[in-house]
C-alpha atoms as a PDB file:
ATOM      1  CA  MET A   1      38.119 -16.311 -24.400  1.00  0.00           C
ATOM      2  CA  GLN A   2      34.370 -16.403 -24.118  1.00  0.00           C
ATOM      3  CA  LYS A   3      33.086 -18.825 -21.503  1.00  0.00           C
ATOM      4  CA  ALA A   4      31.476 -21.970 -22.771  1.00  0.00           C
ATOM      5  CA  ARG A   5      27.770 -21.994 -23.216  1.00  0.00           C
ATOM      6  CA  TYR A   6      25.908 -25.276 -23.461  1.00  0.00           C
ATOM      7  CA  ALA A   7      22.715 -25.859 -25.379  1.00  0.00           C
ATOM      8  CA  PRO A   8      20.836 -28.830 -26.717  1.00  0.00           C
ATOM      9  CA  GLN A   9      20.778 -27.560 -30.262  1.00  0.00           C
ATOM     10  CA  PRO A  10      23.963 -26.929 -32.297  1.00  0.00           C
ATOM     11  CA  LEU A  11      25.407 -23.417 -31.839  1.00  0.00           C
ATOM     12  CA  GLY A  12      28.396 -23.927 -34.108  1.00  0.00           C
ATOM     13  CA  HIS A  13      31.953 -22.750 -33.614  1.00  0.00           C
ATOM     14  CA  TYR A  14      32.833 -19.228 -34.794  1.00  0.00           C
ATOM     15  CA  GLY A  15      36.620 -19.763 -34.866  1.00  0.00           C
ATOM     16  CA  LEU A  16      36.372 -23.099 -36.679  1.00  0.00           C
ATOM     17  CA  VAL A  17      33.608 -21.963 -38.975  1.00  0.00           C
ATOM     18  CA  LEU A  18      31.569 -25.173 -38.187  1.00  0.00           C
ATOM     19  CA  ALA A  19      27.771 -25.292 -38.015  1.00  0.00           C
ATOM     20  CA  ASP A  20      27.875 -28.400 -35.853  1.00  0.00           C
ATOM     21  CA  TYR A  21      30.334 -28.646 -33.017  1.00  0.00           C
ATOM     22  CA  ALA A  22      30.695 -30.370 -29.697  1.00  0.00           C
ATOM     23  CA  HIS A  23      33.638 -29.982 -27.411  1.00  0.00           C
ATOM     24  CA  PHE A  24      34.828 -32.283 -24.687  1.00  0.00           C
ATOM     25  CA  THR A  25      37.910 -32.657 -22.532  1.00  0.00           C
ATOM     26  CA  SER A  26      38.490 -35.272 -19.823  1.00  0.00           C
ATOM     27  CA  PRO A  27      35.240 -37.161 -19.000  1.00  0.00           C
ATOM     28  CA  ILE A  28      36.395 -37.775 -15.477  1.00  0.00           C
ATOM     29  CA  ARG A  29      36.263 -34.015 -14.880  1.00  0.00           C
ATOM     30  CA  ARG A  30      33.263 -32.489 -16.526  1.00  0.00           C
ATOM     31  CA  TYR A  31      29.624 -33.253 -16.659  1.00  0.00           C
ATOM     32  CA  PRO A  32      29.077 -31.825 -20.184  1.00  0.00           C
ATOM     33  CA  ASP A  33      31.821 -34.246 -21.494  1.00  0.00           C
ATOM     34  CA  LEU A  34      29.945 -37.090 -19.973  1.00  0.00           C
ATOM     35  CA  ALA A  35      26.750 -35.985 -21.539  1.00  0.00           C
ATOM     36  CA  ILE A  36      28.404 -35.738 -25.016  1.00  0.00           C
ATOM     37  CA  HIS A  37      30.041 -39.109 -24.600  1.00  0.00           C
ATOM     38  CA  ARG A  38      26.695 -40.744 -23.593  1.00  0.00           C
ATOM     39  CA  ILE A  39      25.013 -39.362 -26.721  1.00  0.00           C
ATOM     40  CA  LEU A  40      28.057 -40.265 -28.998  1.00  0.00           C
ATOM     41  CA  SER A  41      28.128 -43.758 -27.525  1.00  0.00           C
ATOM     42  CA  GLU A  42      24.499 -44.337 -28.483  1.00  0.00           C
ATOM     43  CA  MET A  43      25.175 -42.981 -32.032  1.00  0.00           C
ATOM     44  CA  LEU A  44      28.087 -45.456 -32.422  1.00  0.00           C
ATOM     45  CA  THR A  45      25.878 -48.324 -31.442  1.00  0.00           C
ATOM     46  CA  GLY A  46      23.602 -47.519 -34.356  1.00  0.00           C
ATOM     47  CA  ALA A  47      20.745 -45.664 -32.770  1.00  0.00           C
ATOM     48  CA  SER A  48      18.631 -43.800 -35.293  1.00  0.00           C
ATOM     49  CA  ALA A  49      18.293 -40.045 -35.275  1.00  0.00           C
ATOM     50  CA  SER A  50      14.657 -40.284 -34.170  1.00  0.00           C
ATOM     51  CA  GLN A  51      15.592 -42.644 -31.271  1.00  0.00           C
ATOM     52  CA  LEU A  52      18.341 -40.274 -30.268  1.00  0.00           C
ATOM     53  CA  GLN A  53      15.966 -37.368 -30.245  1.00  0.00           C
ATOM     54  CA  LYS A  54      13.500 -39.368 -28.222  1.00  0.00           C
ATOM     55  CA  ASP A  55      16.098 -40.471 -25.680  1.00  0.00           C
ATOM     56  CA  PHE A  56      18.138 -37.411 -25.378  1.00  0.00           C
ATOM     57  CA  ASN A  57      16.126 -34.245 -26.169  1.00  0.00           C
ATOM     58  CA  GLU A  58      14.998 -33.568 -22.608  1.00  0.00           C
ATOM     59  CA  PHE A  59      18.228 -34.792 -21.168  1.00  0.00           C
ATOM     60  CA  ALA A  60      20.265 -32.448 -23.373  1.00  0.00           C
ATOM     61  CA  GLN A  61      18.041 -29.464 -22.418  1.00  0.00           C
ATOM     62  CA  GLN A  62      18.445 -30.082 -18.702  1.00  0.00           C
ATOM     63  CA  ALA A  63      22.139 -31.005 -18.917  1.00  0.00           C
ATOM     64  CA  SER A  64      22.970 -27.869 -20.897  1.00  0.00           C
ATOM     65  CA  GLU A  65      21.053 -25.532 -18.536  1.00  0.00           C
ATOM     66  CA  LYS A  66      22.557 -27.074 -15.464  1.00  0.00           C
ATOM     67  CA  SER A  67      26.056 -27.067 -16.943  1.00  0.00           C
ATOM     68  CA  SER A  68      25.870 -23.417 -17.908  1.00  0.00           C
ATOM     69  CA  LYS A  69      24.582 -22.407 -14.450  1.00  0.00           C
ATOM     70  CA  GLN A  70      27.298 -24.474 -12.799  1.00  0.00           C
ATOM     71  CA  GLU A  71      30.021 -22.924 -14.925  1.00  0.00           C
ATOM     72  CA  VAL A  72      28.925 -19.383 -14.013  1.00  0.00           C
ATOM     73  CA  ALA A  73      28.902 -20.421 -10.319  1.00  0.00           C
ATOM     74  CA  ALA A  74      32.303 -21.974 -10.569  1.00  0.00           C
ATOM     75  CA  VAL A  75      33.810 -18.796 -12.220  1.00  0.00           C
ATOM     76  CA  ARG A  76      32.292 -16.709  -9.434  1.00  0.00           C
ATOM     77  CA  ILE A  77      33.664 -18.829  -6.700  1.00  0.00           C
ATOM     78  CA  GLU A  78      37.119 -18.967  -8.341  1.00  0.00           C
ATOM     79  CA  ARG A  79      37.200 -15.142  -8.536  1.00  0.00           C
ATOM     80  CA  ASP A  80      36.056 -14.931  -4.857  1.00  0.00           C
ATOM     81  CA  VAL A  81      38.796 -17.273  -3.778  1.00  0.00           C
ATOM     82  CA  GLU A  82      41.361 -15.307  -5.769  1.00  0.00           C
ATOM     83  CA  ASP A  83      40.111 -12.098  -4.110  1.00  0.00           C
ATOM     84  CA  LEU A  84      40.698 -13.766  -0.694  1.00  0.00           C
ATOM     85  CA  TYR A  85      44.203 -14.783  -1.514  1.00  0.00           C
ATOM     86  CA  LYS A  86      45.138 -11.343  -2.925  1.00  0.00           C
ATOM     87  CA  ALA A  87      43.778  -9.783   0.210  1.00  0.00           C
ATOM     88  CA  GLU A  88      45.748 -12.098   2.401  1.00  0.00           C
ATOM     89  CA  TYR A  89      48.871 -11.329   0.400  1.00  0.00           C
ATOM     90  CA  MET A  90      48.292  -7.534   0.520  1.00  0.00           C
ATOM     91  CA  HIS A  91      47.705  -7.715   4.290  1.00  0.00           C
ATOM     92  CA  SER A  92      51.452  -7.972   4.728  1.00  0.00           C
ATOM     93  CA  HIS A  93      52.042  -5.001   2.470  1.00  0.00           C
ATOM     94  CA  LEU A  94      49.891  -2.387   4.295  1.00  0.00           C
ATOM     95  CA  GLY A  95      51.298   1.149   4.058  1.00  0.00           C
ATOM     96  CA  GLU A  96      53.435   0.321   0.882  1.00  0.00           C
ATOM     97  CA  VAL A  97      53.161   2.653  -2.059  1.00  0.00           C
ATOM     98  CA  TYR A  98      52.663   1.433  -5.634  1.00  0.00           C
ATOM     99  CA  THR A  99      51.810   2.848  -9.077  1.00  0.00           C
ATOM    100  CA  GLY A 100      48.893   1.018 -10.657  1.00  0.00           C
ATOM    101  CA  THR A 101      46.508   1.326 -13.526  1.00  0.00           C
ATOM    102  CA  VAL A 102      42.980   2.500 -13.318  1.00  0.00           C
ATOM    103  CA  ALA A 103      41.006  -0.555 -14.175  1.00  0.00           C
ATOM    104  CA  GLY A 104      37.421   0.410 -13.311  1.00  0.00           C
ATOM    105  CA  ILE A 105      35.402   3.548 -12.700  1.00  0.00           C
ATOM    106  CA  THR A 106      32.150   3.900 -10.718  1.00  0.00           C
ATOM    107  CA  PRO A 107      30.396   6.883  -9.091  1.00  0.00           C
ATOM    108  CA  ARG A 108      31.734   5.578  -5.767  1.00  0.00           C
ATOM    109  CA  GLY A 109      35.342   5.528  -6.827  1.00  0.00           C
ATOM    110  CA  VAL A 110      37.972   3.872  -9.012  1.00  0.00           C
ATOM    111  CA  PHE A 111      39.494   0.390  -9.070  1.00  0.00           C
ATOM    112  CA  VAL A 112      43.280   0.317  -9.420  1.00  0.00           C
ATOM    113  CA  GLU A 113      45.122  -2.780 -10.602  1.00  0.00           C
ATOM    114  CA  LEU A 114      48.778  -3.276  -9.686  1.00  0.00           C
ATOM    115  CA  ASP A 115      51.391  -5.139 -11.801  1.00  0.00           C
ATOM    116  CA  ASN A 116      50.918  -8.226  -9.601  1.00  0.00           C
ATOM    117  CA  THR A 117      47.132  -8.342 -10.694  1.00  0.00           C
ATOM    118  CA  VAL A 118      45.984  -7.184  -7.226  1.00  0.00           C
ATOM    119  CA  GLU A 119      43.052  -4.780  -7.526  1.00  0.00           C
ATOM    120  CA  GLY A 120      42.051  -2.313  -4.932  1.00  0.00           C
ATOM    121  CA  PHE A 121      39.483   0.507  -4.431  1.00  0.00           C
ATOM    122  CA  VAL A 122      40.032   4.121  -4.045  1.00  0.00           C
ATOM    123  CA  PRO A 123      36.846   6.064  -2.927  1.00  0.00           C
ATOM    124  CA  ALA A 124      35.731   9.044  -4.930  1.00  0.00           C
ATOM    125  CA  ALA A 125      35.829  11.157  -1.738  1.00  0.00           C
ATOM    126  CA  GLN A 126      39.575  10.877  -1.819  1.00  0.00           C
ATOM    127  CA  LEU A 127      39.877  11.930  -5.424  1.00  0.00           C
ATOM    128  CA  CYS A 128      37.215  14.671  -5.712  1.00  0.00           C
ATOM    129  CA  LYS A 129      36.513  17.755  -3.717  1.00  0.00           C
ATOM    130  CA  GLY A 130      33.120  18.080  -5.464  1.00  0.00           C
ATOM    131  CA  GLU A 131      30.577  15.611  -6.714  1.00  0.00           C
ATOM    132  CA  PRO A 132      32.404  13.227  -9.047  1.00  0.00           C
ATOM    133  CA  GLN A 133      31.142  13.076 -12.612  1.00  0.00           C
ATOM    134  CA  VAL A 134      31.517   9.725 -14.324  1.00  0.00           C
ATOM    135  CA  ILE A 135      31.611   9.963 -18.138  1.00  0.00           C
ATOM    136  CA  ASP A 136      30.525   6.857 -20.069  1.00  0.00           C
ATOM    137  CA  GLY A 137      32.087   4.605 -17.341  1.00  0.00           C
ATOM    138  CA  VAL A 138      35.574   5.387 -18.728  1.00  0.00           C
ATOM    139  CA  SER A 139      36.551   8.553 -16.821  1.00  0.00           C
ATOM    140  CA  MET A 140      35.871  10.468 -13.707  1.00  0.00           C
ATOM    141  CA  LEU A 141      36.051  14.250 -13.423  1.00  0.00           C
ATOM    142  CA  ASP A 142      36.193  16.462 -10.336  1.00  0.00           C
ATOM    143  CA  PRO A 143      34.283  19.535 -11.524  1.00  0.00           C
ATOM    144  CA  LEU A 144      35.715  21.717  -8.722  1.00  0.00           C
ATOM    145  CA  THR A 145      39.480  21.014  -9.408  1.00  0.00           C
ATOM    146  CA  GLY A 146      39.254  19.914 -13.055  1.00  0.00           C
ATOM    147  CA  LYS A 147      41.296  16.760 -12.251  1.00  0.00           C
ATOM    148  CA  SER A 148      40.315  13.620 -14.090  1.00  0.00           C
ATOM    149  CA  TRP A 149      41.174   9.945 -14.091  1.00  0.00           C
ATOM    150  CA  MET A 150      40.603   7.607 -17.072  1.00  0.00           C
ATOM    151  CA  LEU A 151      40.685   3.817 -17.611  1.00  0.00           C
ATOM    152  CA  GLY A 152      44.250   2.877 -18.316  1.00  0.00           C
ATOM    153  CA  SER A 153      45.828   5.819 -16.640  1.00  0.00           C
ATOM    154  CA  SER A 154      48.448   5.513 -13.931  1.00  0.00           C
ATOM    155  CA  MET A 155      47.664   6.211 -10.367  1.00  0.00           C
ATOM    156  CA  LYS A 156      49.914   6.287  -7.267  1.00  0.00           C
ATOM    157  CA  ILE A 157      48.371   4.563  -4.330  1.00  0.00           C
ATOM    158  CA  GLN A 158      49.163   3.364  -0.819  1.00  0.00           C
ATOM    159  CA  VAL A 159      47.709   0.108   0.502  1.00  0.00           C
ATOM    160  CA  ALA A 160      45.327   1.219   3.218  1.00  0.00           C
ATOM    161  CA  ALA A 161      43.375  -1.870   4.200  1.00  0.00           C
ATOM    162  CA  ALA A 162      43.079  -5.514   3.285  1.00  0.00           C
ATOM    163  CA  ASP A 163      40.091  -7.469   4.598  1.00  0.00           C
ATOM    164  CA  VAL A 164      40.857 -11.091   4.124  1.00  0.00           C
ATOM    165  CA  ALA A 165      37.349 -12.333   5.033  1.00  0.00           C
ATOM    166  CA  LEU A 166      35.778 -10.102   2.359  1.00  0.00           C
ATOM    167  CA  GLY A 167      38.573 -10.350  -0.163  1.00  0.00           C
ATOM    168  CA  ARG A 168      38.546  -6.590  -0.261  1.00  0.00           C
ATOM    169  CA  ILE A 169      41.582  -4.277  -0.677  1.00  0.00           C
ATOM    170  CA  ASP A 170      41.406  -0.510  -0.102  1.00  0.00           C
ATOM    171  CA  PHE A 171      43.844   1.970  -1.430  1.00  0.00           C
ATOM    172  CA  GLU A 172      44.488   5.543  -0.728  1.00  0.00           C
ATOM    173  CA  TYR A 173      45.373   7.924  -3.428  1.00  0.00           C
ATOM    174  CA  MET A 174      48.724   9.520  -3.301  1.00  0.00           C
ATOM    175  CA  VAL A 175      48.846  12.974  -4.878  1.00  0.00           C
ATOM    176  CA  GLU A 176      51.895  12.975  -7.345  1.00  0.00           C
END
């Protein structure tokens, strides 16, 4: 699902095919919910549209910008914490061999995801004898050997390192 995006003007809802849409969950948990409740409460007490605009235009702009920024920050923090826990878990599995799926490709190397959702990095220097060629971000080719790796392909790896403080896991490529 796409992350929520807050704005003072109606953005609609694609799935519900609605031009005007506001969502809320539990008001004790989320600031956007409190903002919507505040505006709806004023509407229910009979405030006119012009009075609502006067009272809430600036508030809605500031609240939506802040909420969107905080949501991005919260997602980043959540991912960082998950990475720390995964590194802590894999620290007790150093030296073990797994078969994973290539989940990301960069000029520096490939990211391999295991069935348990742990993701680690295999440096390009372990895969390629020559300068690796990354093609459209979906495959890596070693021009000297002709070997290639693509997103979604299987790769046998060994857990080489797990840095808990950084939330980083390094794999070594195991030639099959």
